[in-house]
Amino acid sequence: MLNHWLKSFYIKIFLSFLVTCILFFVGLALFWNSYFTDLFYKDKKELLSSRFGEVSKLLPSVQEGTISTRELRFGIRIISRSINGSVWLVDAHGVVLNGSSEREGSVIPKVMDTLFIEGLKGNSGFIASQYRIDERARDGLLTYYGPAQMNGKPIVIFLNVPAVEVSEALAAVRWNIVVPLLFSLLTVGIILYMLSRKLAGPLQMMNRAALELAGGDFSARVPVTSDDEVGELAKSFNFMVDQLVQWEDARQEFLTNVSHELRSPLTSLRGLIIAMNDKVIPEGKYGHYLKICDYEVQRLQRLVNDLLDLARIQNGMDVFRLRPLVLNEKIEKTLDLLRTAMNDKQIMLHELLPDANHVEVIAELDPDRFAQILQNLLYNAIQFTPSGGSIFVELYSEEGDAVIVIRDTGIGMAEEELNRIWDRFYKVEHSRASGSEGTGLGLTIVKHLVNGMKGTIAVSSEIGVGTEFTLTFPLSENRCY
């Protein structure tokens, strides 16, 4: 439980910021403590340093015999009174020498042994502490120690002054620093906790929503409570869920349509086979019904091929073999394949193509895929154009693009139908015509093929007037050889 709690994102944010603030406040407290300590002890340190120099000047006079030990004692006592403290001359054994203070002949307190050793090593410095040098003194003492020579032997000079007032003032200052910092830290901690919760809250909701999505519940959404990066992430998550819902609906519709498209011919085939097995259909009519079975098998084959083709294109498995292609010639060859179908239905073909011998319109295309696009569009035009109608195929170049226009005088489409013709399995004849041999995948494949070859396709239509498809592809800078 504790490990799970510590792994929480908002707890990590909270602890990271809290530790940063604690380190900052500790550093600030140490800085102010050092600053005020130096400030309050500054005058006393300067006084002790100057008096240390005065004592040091007296010692050579004793060795030279200029002044006596009594005069040394008198001079040191004057210096002691000037600092309102005490001055000790301590020999190498830690004994206070004759002529320094009332502690003559006694050993220095153990609490000062460390300072004494440092002095013998030739070091000097200050120390302010709450220790006492005798039972009667109050806590709080500032001591300066430093090395010296007396009668040719090393000694350590101690200058001690009471620092009770300074200690009390520093204690008050420290409390005035620490207490506000503690309250500030508490306040900052509460604010950081709330901010970290606010930052991590949407992420936790996204996590729960993602788990619900994984379980199949597509109703999960994350509330958007801000316009910052977290809010943008929540919006993106909700948009992703909406897209997943659309894709799931499309998948379900796709499966339904595939099932329907497969079930219809299979049902027909099974019914005819059972009827022939049960002799319900006379043997003399077997040939007629076998032709129907062959037609349904071809219908299934077209559907399976279109599905595989579409899946290959959508999954990026289809590789376009692009090369400079003369569109005049390719369109002409494709139209030759469809002239028979147009003649059988008595449809007039109008070709508006520039003469390839004079003007070549060249684009980087896959010849086979381009022919597939033309065939799908022309088969649709033939299917929905009544006998006696016309189909127009036009090619021209415009502003760096090759433009192919395929227009018919067929039944046309309404606006709502135009918006759906690129959908898989959608057939205009579902609502207004019958007898279609299409699978409803042709225009979907056309759309993907055109986009895959960096082209565009547009459509316009009017009921009773006809339909017009406009294809555009970038012109090629290369020539065909």
Protein backbone atom coordinates (compact mmCIF):
# COMPACT_ATOMS: atom_id res chain seq x y z
CA MET A 1 0.00 0.00 0.00
CA LEU A 2 2.81 2.40 0.94
CA ASN A 3 4.76 1.56 -2.21
CA HIS A 4 1.67 2.19 -4.35
CA TRP A 5 1.15 5.51 -2.57
CA LEU A 6 4.77 6.54 -3.12
CA LYS A 7 4.52 5.63 -6.81
CA SER A 8 1.65 8.05 -7.25
CA PHE A 9 2.51 10.83 -9.70
CA TYR A 10 1.09 13.65 -7.63
CA ILE A 11 2.89 12.38 -4.49
CA LYS A 12 6.16 12.42 -6.44
CA ILE A 13 5.46 15.99 -7.56
CA PHE A 14 4.49 17.03 -4.04
CA LEU A 15 7.54 15.43 -2.37
CA SER A 16 9.93 16.80 -5.02
CA PHE A 17 8.75 20.37 -4.58
CA LEU A 18 8.51 19.97 -0.80
CA VAL A 19 12.10 18.71 -0.50
CA THR A 20 13.24 21.60 -2.72
CA CYS A 21 11.43 24.11 -0.49
CA ILE A 22 12.82 22.51 2.70
CA LEU A 23 16.38 22.71 1.36
CA PHE A 24 15.79 26.32 0.34
CA PHE A 25 14.39 27.27 3.76
CA VAL A 26 17.18 25.45 5.61
CA GLY A 27 19.77 27.24 3.49
CA LEU A 28 18.02 30.56 4.11
CA ALA A 29 17.91 29.92 7.86
CA LEU A 30 21.62 29.04 7.97
CA PHE A 31 22.48 32.14 5.97
CA TRP A 32 20.53 34.51 8.25
CA ASN A 33 21.90 32.81 11.36
CA SER A 34 25.46 33.26 10.11
CA TYR A 35 24.75 36.83 9.03
CA PHE A 36 23.28 37.95 12.36
CA THR A 37 25.91 36.06 14.37
CA ASP A 38 28.70 37.91 12.56
CA LEU A 39 26.79 41.17 12.88
CA PHE A 40 26.19 40.92 16.65
CA TYR A 41 29.70 39.66 17.48
CA LYS A 42 31.51 42.02 15.11
CA ASP A 43 32.29 44.76 17.66
CA LYS A 44 33.38 42.32 20.34
CA LYS A 45 35.60 40.41 17.91
CA GLU A 46 37.32 43.62 16.85
CA LEU A 47 37.81 44.57 20.54
CA LEU A 48 39.30 41.16 21.41
CA SER A 49 41.62 41.25 18.40
CA SER A 50 43.00 44.66 19.42
CA ARG A 51 43.44 43.60 23.08
CA PHE A 52 45.21 40.42 21.96
CA GLY A 53 47.72 42.65 20.19
CA GLU A 54 48.24 44.73 23.34
CA VAL A 55 48.90 41.62 25.47
CA SER A 56 51.32 40.28 22.85
CA LYS A 57 53.30 43.55 23.03
CA LEU A 58 53.76 43.18 26.82
CA LEU A 59 55.31 39.69 26.67
CA PRO A 60 58.68 40.61 25.04
CA SER A 61 59.18 43.31 27.71
CA VAL A 62 58.96 40.64 30.46
CA GLN A 63 61.64 38.53 28.76
CA GLU A 64 63.86 41.59 28.33
CA GLY A 65 63.34 42.56 32.02
CA THR A 66 61.85 45.91 31.13
CA ILE A 67 58.75 45.13 33.20
CA SER A 68 58.30 42.80 36.13
CA THR A 69 55.78 39.99 36.60
CA ARG A 70 53.84 42.24 38.95
CA GLU A 71 53.66 44.94 36.33
CA LEU A 72 52.58 42.34 33.76
CA ARG A 73 49.80 41.16 36.09
CA PHE A 74 48.69 44.77 36.59
CA GLY A 75 48.71 45.48 32.85
CA ILE A 76 46.73 42.34 32.04
CA ARG A 77 44.13 43.15 34.69
CA ILE A 78 43.70 46.60 33.13
CA ILE A 79 43.16 44.93 29.74
CA SER A 80 40.71 42.46 31.33
CA ARG A 81 38.67 45.27 32.81
CA SER A 82 38.68 47.10 29.45
CA ILE A 83 36.93 44.15 27.85
CA ASN A 84 34.85 43.37 30.96
CA GLY A 85 36.20 39.83 30.83
CA SER A 86 39.37 37.87 31.56
CA VAL A 87 42.77 37.28 29.96
CA TRP A 88 44.68 34.01 30.47
CA LEU A 89 48.27 33.21 29.66
CA VAL A 90 48.40 29.41 29.45
CA ASP A 91 51.64 27.43 29.24
CA ALA A 92 52.20 24.25 27.25
CA HIS A 93 50.79 22.14 30.10
CA GLY A 94 47.45 23.97 30.19
CA VAL A 95 48.24 25.85 33.41
CA VAL A 96 47.32 29.52 33.77
CA LEU A 97 50.59 31.41 34.34
CA ASN A 98 51.34 33.79 37.15
CA GLY A 99 50.44 37.30 36.22
CA SER A 100 47.34 36.73 34.09
CA SER A 101 44.22 36.43 36.32
CA GLU A 102 42.79 35.15 39.53
CA ARG A 103 42.98 31.62 38.08
CA GLU A 104 46.81 31.67 38.33
CA GLY A 105 48.26 28.22 38.80
CA SER A 106 45.06 26.38 37.90
CA VAL A 107 44.37 24.22 34.85
CA ILE A 108 42.04 25.58 32.17
CA PRO A 109 38.52 24.05 31.98
CA LYS A 110 38.25 20.86 29.93
CA VAL A 111 35.75 22.52 27.56
CA MET A 112 38.61 24.69 26.31
CA ASP A 113 41.10 21.88 25.66
CA THR A 114 40.33 21.83 21.93
CA LEU A 115 41.01 25.56 21.64
CA PHE A 116 44.19 25.18 23.65
CA ILE A 117 45.52 22.47 21.30
CA GLU A 118 44.72 24.60 18.26
CA GLY A 119 46.59 27.51 19.84
CA LEU A 120 49.67 25.37 20.45
CA LYS A 121 49.58 24.43 16.76
CA GLY A 122 49.88 28.12 15.91
CA ASN A 123 46.23 28.66 15.02
CA SER A 124 44.00 31.43 16.28
CA GLY A 125 40.29 32.16 16.12
CA PHE A 126 37.01 32.96 17.81
CA ILE A 127 34.42 30.73 19.35
CA ALA A 128 31.04 31.69 20.74
CA SER A 129 29.25 29.09 22.81
CA GLN A 130 26.89 28.53 25.72
CA TYR A 131 29.58 27.02 27.98
CA ARG A 132 30.75 28.42 31.35
CA ILE A 133 34.31 28.72 32.68
CA ASP A 134 33.22 28.65 36.33
CA GLU A 135 30.11 27.92 38.38
CA ARG A 136 29.27 31.55 39.03
CA ALA A 137 29.35 32.68 35.41
CA ARG A 138 26.25 32.79 33.26
CA ASP A 139 25.98 30.77 30.10
CA GLY A 140 27.30 32.52 27.01
CA LEU A 141 30.94 33.33 26.33
CA LEU A 142 32.98 34.69 23.42
CA THR A 143 36.58 33.53 23.43
CA TYR A 144 39.55 34.54 21.31
CA TYR A 145 42.65 32.36 21.40
CA GLY A 146 46.02 32.76 19.74
CA PRO A 147 49.65 31.59 20.03
CA ALA A 148 52.45 33.64 21.65
CA GLN A 149 55.95 33.34 23.20
CA MET A 150 56.87 34.10 26.83
CA ASN A 151 60.39 33.68 28.14
CA GLY A 152 61.19 31.66 25.01
CA LYS A 153 58.43 29.14 25.58
CA PRO A 154 55.18 28.75 23.65
CA ILE A 155 51.98 29.82 25.36
CA VAL A 156 48.37 30.34 24.35
CA ILE A 157 46.56 33.59 25.11
CA PHE A 158 42.81 33.37 25.89
CA LEU A 159 40.60 36.46 26.01
CA ASN A 160 37.13 35.67 27.37
CA VAL A 161 34.21 38.08 27.42
CA PRO A 162 30.64 37.39 28.53
CA ALA A 163 28.21 37.28 25.60
CA VAL A 164 24.96 36.63 27.44
CA GLU A 165 23.21 39.63 25.87
CA VAL A 166 24.43 38.70 22.45
CA SER A 167 23.42 35.06 22.94
CA GLU A 168 19.97 36.06 24.08
CA ALA A 169 19.58 38.47 21.17
CA LEU A 170 20.73 35.77 18.74
CA ALA A 171 18.33 33.25 20.27
CA ALA A 172 15.48 35.74 19.78
CA VAL A 173 16.55 36.38 16.19
CA ARG A 174 16.78 32.65 15.49
CA TRP A 175 13.27 32.13 16.78
CA ASN A 176 12.10 35.03 14.64
CA ILE A 177 13.72 33.32 11.65
CA VAL A 178 12.70 29.72 12.33
CA VAL A 179 9.04 30.27 13.30
CA PRO A 180 8.07 32.27 10.16
CA LEU A 181 10.00 29.80 8.02
CA LEU A 182 8.14 26.88 9.58
CA PHE A 183 4.78 28.56 8.97
CA SER A 184 5.88 29.43 5.43
CA LEU A 185 6.97 25.84 4.85
CA LEU A 186 3.64 24.56 6.16
CA THR A 187 1.74 26.96 3.90
CA VAL A 188 3.88 26.09 0.90
CA GLY A 189 3.41 22.38 1.65
CA ILE A 190 -0.38 22.76 1.63
CA ILE A 191 -0.29 24.78 -1.59
CA LEU A 192 2.04 22.27 -3.24
CA TYR A 193 -0.18 19.39 -2.19
CA MET A 194 -3.23 21.07 -3.70
CA LEU A 195 -1.37 21.97 -6.89
CA SER A 196 0.06 18.48 -7.28
CA ARG A 197 -3.41 17.01 -6.79
CA LYS A 198 -4.79 19.39 -9.39
CA LEU A 199 -2.03 18.49 -11.84
CA ALA A 200 -2.22 14.75 -11.29
CA GLY A 201 -6.02 14.54 -10.93
CA PRO A 202 -6.76 14.64 -14.68
CA LEU A 203 -3.99 12.09 -15.29
CA GLN A 204 -5.57 9.73 -12.78
CA MET A 205 -8.95 10.21 -14.43
CA MET A 206 -7.35 9.52 -17.81
CA ASN A 207 -5.85 6.33 -16.40
CA ARG A 208 -9.24 5.16 -15.14
CA ALA A 209 -10.87 6.15 -18.44
CA ALA A 210 -8.19 4.27 -20.38
CA LEU A 211 -8.84 1.14 -18.31
CA GLU A 212 -12.57 1.50 -18.98
CA LEU A 213 -11.85 1.86 -22.70
CA ALA A 214 -9.71 -1.29 -22.58
CA GLY A 215 -12.72 -3.02 -21.03
CA GLY A 216 -14.94 -1.95 -23.92
CA ASP A 217 -16.71 1.00 -22.27
CA PHE A 218 -16.52 3.81 -24.86
CA SER A 219 -18.61 6.22 -22.78
CA ALA A 220 -15.63 7.20 -20.58
CA ARG A 221 -14.64 10.86 -20.84
CA VAL A 222 -12.26 13.13 -18.89
CA PRO A 223 -13.67 16.46 -17.66
CA VAL A 224 -11.76 19.46 -19.00
CA THR A 225 -11.18 21.83 -16.06
CA SER A 226 -8.49 24.16 -17.44
CA ASP A 227 -7.08 25.66 -20.62
CA ASP A 228 -3.43 24.79 -19.88
CA GLU A 229 -1.38 21.83 -21.11
CA VAL A 230 -3.25 19.43 -18.82
CA GLY A 231 -6.57 20.70 -20.17
CA GLU A 232 -5.27 20.29 -23.73
CA LEU A 233 -4.23 16.73 -22.89
CA ALA A 234 -7.72 16.02 -21.54
CA LYS A 235 -9.26 17.44 -24.74
CA SER A 236 -6.94 15.30 -26.86
CA PHE A 237 -7.86 12.23 -24.81
CA ASN A 238 -11.58 12.89 -25.30
CA PHE A 239 -11.00 13.48 -29.02
CA MET A 240 -9.15 10.17 -29.20
CA VAL A 241 -12.10 8.42 -27.53
CA ASP A 242 -14.50 10.03 -30.00
CA GLN A 243 -12.33 8.78 -32.86
CA LEU A 244 -12.25 5.31 -31.34
CA VAL A 245 -16.03 5.36 -31.10
CA GLN A 246 -16.27 6.35 -34.76
CA TRP A 247 -13.79 3.65 -35.74
CA GLU A 248 -15.63 1.07 -33.69
CA ASP A 249 -18.93 2.10 -35.29
CA ALA A 250 -17.27 1.94 -38.70
CA ARG A 251 -15.86 -1.49 -37.86
CA GLN A 252 -19.23 -2.77 -36.76
CA GLU A 253 -20.85 -1.32 -39.88
CA PHE A 254 -18.10 -2.84 -42.01
CA LEU A 255 -18.62 -6.28 -40.48
CA THR A 256 -22.37 -5.96 -40.90
CA ASN A 257 -22.01 -4.94 -44.54
CA VAL A 258 -19.49 -7.69 -45.29
CA SER A 259 -21.76 -10.24 -43.64
CA HIS A 260 -24.71 -8.99 -45.67
CA GLU A 261 -22.78 -8.92 -48.94
CA LEU A 262 -21.46 -12.42 -48.36
CA ARG A 263 -24.72 -13.85 -47.03
CA SER A 264 -26.79 -12.81 -50.07
CA PRO A 265 -24.91 -14.77 -52.79
CA LEU A 266 -24.18 -17.66 -50.43
CA THR A 267 -27.88 -17.95 -49.59
CA SER A 268 -28.73 -17.94 -53.30
CA LEU A 269 -26.10 -20.57 -54.04
CA ARG A 270 -27.19 -22.83 -51.19
CA GLY A 271 -30.85 -22.51 -52.14
CA LEU A 272 -30.22 -23.41 -55.78
CA ILE A 273 -27.93 -26.33 -54.89
CA ILE A 274 -30.48 -27.76 -52.43
CA ALA A 275 -33.26 -27.27 -54.98
CA MET A 276 -31.27 -29.17 -57.62
CA ASN A 277 -30.30 -31.93 -55.19
CA ASP A 278 -33.94 -32.35 -54.14
CA LYS A 279 -35.02 -32.36 -57.81
CA VAL A 280 -37.23 -29.35 -57.16
CA ILE A 281 -35.67 -27.80 -60.27
CA PRO A 282 -36.15 -29.92 -63.40
CA GLU A 283 -32.94 -31.24 -64.94
CA GLY A 284 -33.73 -29.43 -68.12
CA LYS A 285 -33.31 -26.09 -66.37
CA TYR A 286 -30.01 -26.97 -64.66
CA GLY A 287 -28.03 -25.03 -67.26
CA HIS A 288 -29.98 -21.84 -66.56
CA TYR A 289 -29.57 -22.09 -62.80
CA LEU A 290 -25.92 -23.08 -63.05
CA LYS A 291 -25.35 -19.81 -64.89
CA ILE A 292 -26.98 -18.03 -61.93
CA CYS A 293 -24.66 -19.92 -59.58
CA ASP A 294 -21.67 -18.90 -61.71
CA TYR A 295 -22.83 -15.27 -61.56
CA GLU A 296 -23.06 -15.41 -57.74
CA VAL A 297 -19.62 -17.02 -57.48
CA GLN A 298 -18.17 -14.26 -59.66
CA ARG A 299 -19.92 -11.74 -57.42
CA LEU A 300 -18.29 -13.31 -54.35
CA GLN A 301 -14.93 -13.33 -56.09
CA ARG A 302 -15.21 -9.63 -56.95
CA LEU A 303 -16.16 -8.82 -53.37
CA VAL A 304 -13.24 -10.77 -51.89
CA ASN A 305 -10.78 -9.24 -54.37
CA ASP A 306 -12.03 -5.72 -53.62
CA LEU A 307 -11.79 -6.33 -49.87
CA LEU A 308 -8.22 -7.61 -50.18
CA ASP A 309 -7.33 -4.72 -52.48
CA LEU A 310 -8.77 -2.15 -50.08
CA ALA A 311 -7.07 -3.74 -47.06
CA ARG A 312 -3.72 -3.77 -48.86
CA ILE A 313 -4.03 -0.10 -49.80
CA GLN A 314 -5.23 1.08 -46.37
CA ASN A 315 -2.50 -0.84 -44.53
CA GLY A 316 0.22 0.63 -46.72
CA MET A 317 1.09 -2.75 -48.19
CA ASP A 318 0.33 -1.62 -51.73
CA VAL A 319 3.48 -0.27 -53.38
CA PHE A 320 2.87 2.24 -56.15
CA ARG A 321 5.26 1.75 -59.09
CA LEU A 322 5.35 5.35 -60.18
CA ARG A 323 6.87 6.41 -63.50
CA PRO A 324 6.28 9.18 -66.02
CA LEU A 325 3.03 8.25 -67.79
CA VAL A 326 1.56 9.86 -70.92
CA LEU A 327 -2.06 10.28 -69.86
CA ASN A 328 -3.35 10.84 -73.40
CA GLU A 329 -2.27 7.38 -74.48
CA LYS A 330 -3.27 5.61 -71.24
CA ILE A 331 -6.76 7.08 -71.21
CA GLU A 332 -7.23 6.15 -74.87
CA LYS A 333 -6.21 2.53 -74.23
CA THR A 334 -8.55 2.29 -71.23
CA LEU A 335 -11.46 3.69 -73.24
CA ASP A 336 -10.83 1.09 -75.94
CA LEU A 337 -11.51 -1.65 -73.39
CA LEU A 338 -14.89 -0.15 -72.50
CA ARG A 339 -16.21 0.79 -75.93
CA THR A 340 -18.00 -2.52 -76.33
CA ALA A 341 -19.88 -2.09 -73.05
CA MET A 342 -20.87 1.45 -74.06
CA ASN A 343 -21.99 0.33 -77.52
CA ASP A 344 -24.07 -2.51 -76.04
CA LYS A 345 -25.94 0.05 -73.95
CA GLN A 346 -26.05 2.58 -76.80
CA ILE A 347 -24.09 5.21 -74.86
CA MET A 348 -22.22 7.87 -76.81
CA LEU A 349 -18.57 8.42 -75.82
CA HIS A 350 -17.13 11.89 -76.28
CA GLU A 351 -13.36 12.09 -76.03
CA LEU A 352 -11.83 15.51 -75.40
CA LEU A 353 -8.18 14.53 -75.35
CA PRO A 354 -5.25 16.52 -76.71
CA ASP A 355 -3.40 14.91 -79.60
CA ALA A 356 -0.50 12.96 -78.06
CA ASN A 357 1.58 13.62 -81.15
CA HIS A 358 1.53 17.34 -80.45
CA VAL A 359 0.81 17.77 -76.70
CA GLU A 360 1.75 15.11 -74.16
CA VAL A 361 0.26 15.40 -70.67
CA ILE A 362 2.65 13.51 -68.37
CA ALA A 363 2.28 12.67 -64.67
CA GLU A 364 4.16 10.39 -62.22
CA LEU A 365 1.64 7.54 -61.80
CA ASP A 366 1.34 3.81 -61.47
CA PRO A 367 -0.07 2.74 -64.88
CA ASP A 368 -2.05 -0.23 -63.55
CA ARG A 369 -3.54 1.71 -60.62
CA PHE A 370 -4.39 4.67 -62.84
CA ALA A 371 -6.19 2.33 -65.26
CA GLN A 372 -8.07 0.83 -62.28
CA ILE A 373 -9.23 4.32 -61.25
CA LEU A 374 -10.48 5.11 -64.76
CA GLN A 375 -12.22 1.74 -65.13
CA ASN A 376 -14.07 2.08 -61.81
CA LEU A 377 -15.28 5.58 -62.64
CA LEU A 378 -16.27 4.67 -66.21
CA TYR A 379 -18.06 1.47 -65.15
CA ASN A 380 -20.09 3.56 -62.69
CA ALA A 381 -20.89 6.05 -65.45
CA ILE A 382 -22.02 3.23 -67.79
CA GLN A 383 -24.10 1.61 -65.04
CA PHE A 384 -26.03 4.77 -64.10
CA THR A 385 -26.37 6.27 -67.58
CA PRO A 386 -29.51 5.14 -69.45
CA SER A 387 -29.49 4.03 -73.08
CA GLY A 388 -29.06 6.94 -75.45
CA GLY A 389 -27.05 8.91 -72.87
CA SER A 390 -23.53 10.26 -73.17
CA ILE A 391 -20.21 9.99 -71.32
CA PHE A 392 -17.59 12.71 -71.67
CA VAL A 393 -13.89 12.14 -70.91
CA GLU A 394 -11.71 15.25 -70.96
CA LEU A 395 -7.99 15.78 -70.31
CA TYR A 396 -6.09 19.06 -70.00
CA SER A 397 -3.28 20.66 -67.97
CA GLU A 398 -3.85 23.59 -65.64
CA GLU A 399 -1.46 25.39 -63.25
CA GLY A 400 1.00 22.52 -62.97
CA ASP A 401 -1.66 19.78 -62.70
CA ALA A 402 -3.06 17.23 -65.08
CA VAL A 403 -6.88 17.35 -64.91
CA ILE A 404 -9.11 14.45 -65.97
CA VAL A 405 -12.87 15.02 -66.05
CA ILE A 406 -15.35 12.13 -66.42
CA ARG A 407 -18.93 13.32 -66.85
CA ASP A 408 -22.10 11.40 -67.66
CA THR A 409 -25.74 12.23 -68.37
CA GLY A 410 -27.01 9.60 -65.95
CA ILE A 411 -29.52 9.64 -63.10
CA GLY A 412 -27.37 11.84 -60.87
CA MET A 413 -27.22 11.95 -57.06
CA ALA A 414 -28.66 14.06 -54.27
CA GLU A 415 -26.46 16.06 -51.89
CA GLU A 416 -26.78 13.55 -49.04
CA GLU A 417 -25.70 10.75 -51.37
CA LEU A 418 -22.62 12.69 -52.51
CA ASN A 419 -21.44 12.86 -48.91
CA ARG A 420 -21.50 9.05 -48.61
CA ILE A 421 -20.26 7.74 -51.94
CA TRP A 422 -16.72 7.26 -50.56
CA ASP A 423 -18.01 5.06 -47.70
CA ARG A 424 -17.40 1.35 -47.94
CA PHE A 425 -20.35 -0.69 -49.28
CA TYR A 426 -22.48 2.38 -49.92
CA LYS A 427 -24.48 2.00 -53.13
CA VAL A 428 -26.64 4.66 -54.67
CA GLU A 429 -28.80 1.92 -56.17
CA HIS A 430 -29.87 0.87 -52.66
CA SER A 431 -32.38 3.70 -52.71
CA ARG A 432 -33.08 4.40 -56.35
CA ALA A 433 -31.90 1.62 -58.64
CA SER A 434 -31.53 -2.13 -58.89
CA GLY A 435 -29.62 -4.73 -60.76
CA SER A 436 -26.19 -3.51 -59.72
CA GLU A 437 -23.22 -5.81 -60.04
CA GLY A 438 -21.00 -3.60 -57.88
CA THR A 439 -19.65 -4.38 -54.43
CA GLY A 440 -19.90 -0.85 -53.05
CA LEU A 441 -16.11 -0.71 -52.65
CA GLY A 442 -15.11 0.73 -56.02
CA LEU A 443 -15.22 4.43 -55.14
CA THR A 444 -13.60 3.78 -51.77
CA ILE A 445 -10.68 2.12 -53.54
CA VAL A 446 -10.55 4.96 -56.07
CA LYS A 447 -10.30 7.54 -53.26
CA HIS A 448 -7.39 5.72 -51.60
CA LEU A 449 -5.58 5.16 -54.89
CA VAL A 450 -5.86 8.81 -55.91
CA ASN A 451 -4.59 9.98 -52.51
CA GLY A 452 -1.78 7.42 -52.62
CA MET A 453 -0.51 8.91 -55.88
CA LYS A 454 -0.64 12.47 -54.49
CA GLY A 455 -3.75 13.38 -56.43
CA THR A 456 -7.18 14.74 -55.58
CA ILE A 457 -10.69 13.77 -56.63
CA ALA A 458 -13.88 15.83 -56.50
CA VAL A 459 -17.46 15.06 -57.49
CA SER A 460 -20.54 17.07 -58.36
CA SER A 461 -23.93 15.78 -59.35
CA GLU A 462 -27.52 16.74 -59.99
CA ILE A 463 -30.48 14.41 -60.09
CA GLY A 464 -31.70 13.86 -63.64
CA VAL A 465 -28.73 15.75 -65.12
CA GLY A 466 -25.72 13.58 -64.39
CA THR A 467 -22.52 13.24 -62.38
CA GLU A 468 -19.03 14.67 -62.89
CA PHE A 469 -15.79 13.39 -61.36
CA THR A 470 -12.67 15.59 -61.53
CA LEU A 471 -9.22 14.07 -61.00
CA THR A 472 -6.03 16.13 -60.61
CA PHE A 473 -2.44 14.88 -60.51
CA PRO A 474 0.81 16.90 -60.41
CA LEU A 475 2.44 17.16 -63.82
CA SER A 476 5.77 15.36 -64.14
CA GLU A 477 8.98 17.22 -64.97
CA ASN A 478 10.43 14.04 -66.47
CA ARG A 479 9.87 12.91 -70.02
CA CYS A 480 8.94 9.44 -71.24
CA TYR A 481 11.50 7.59 -73.32
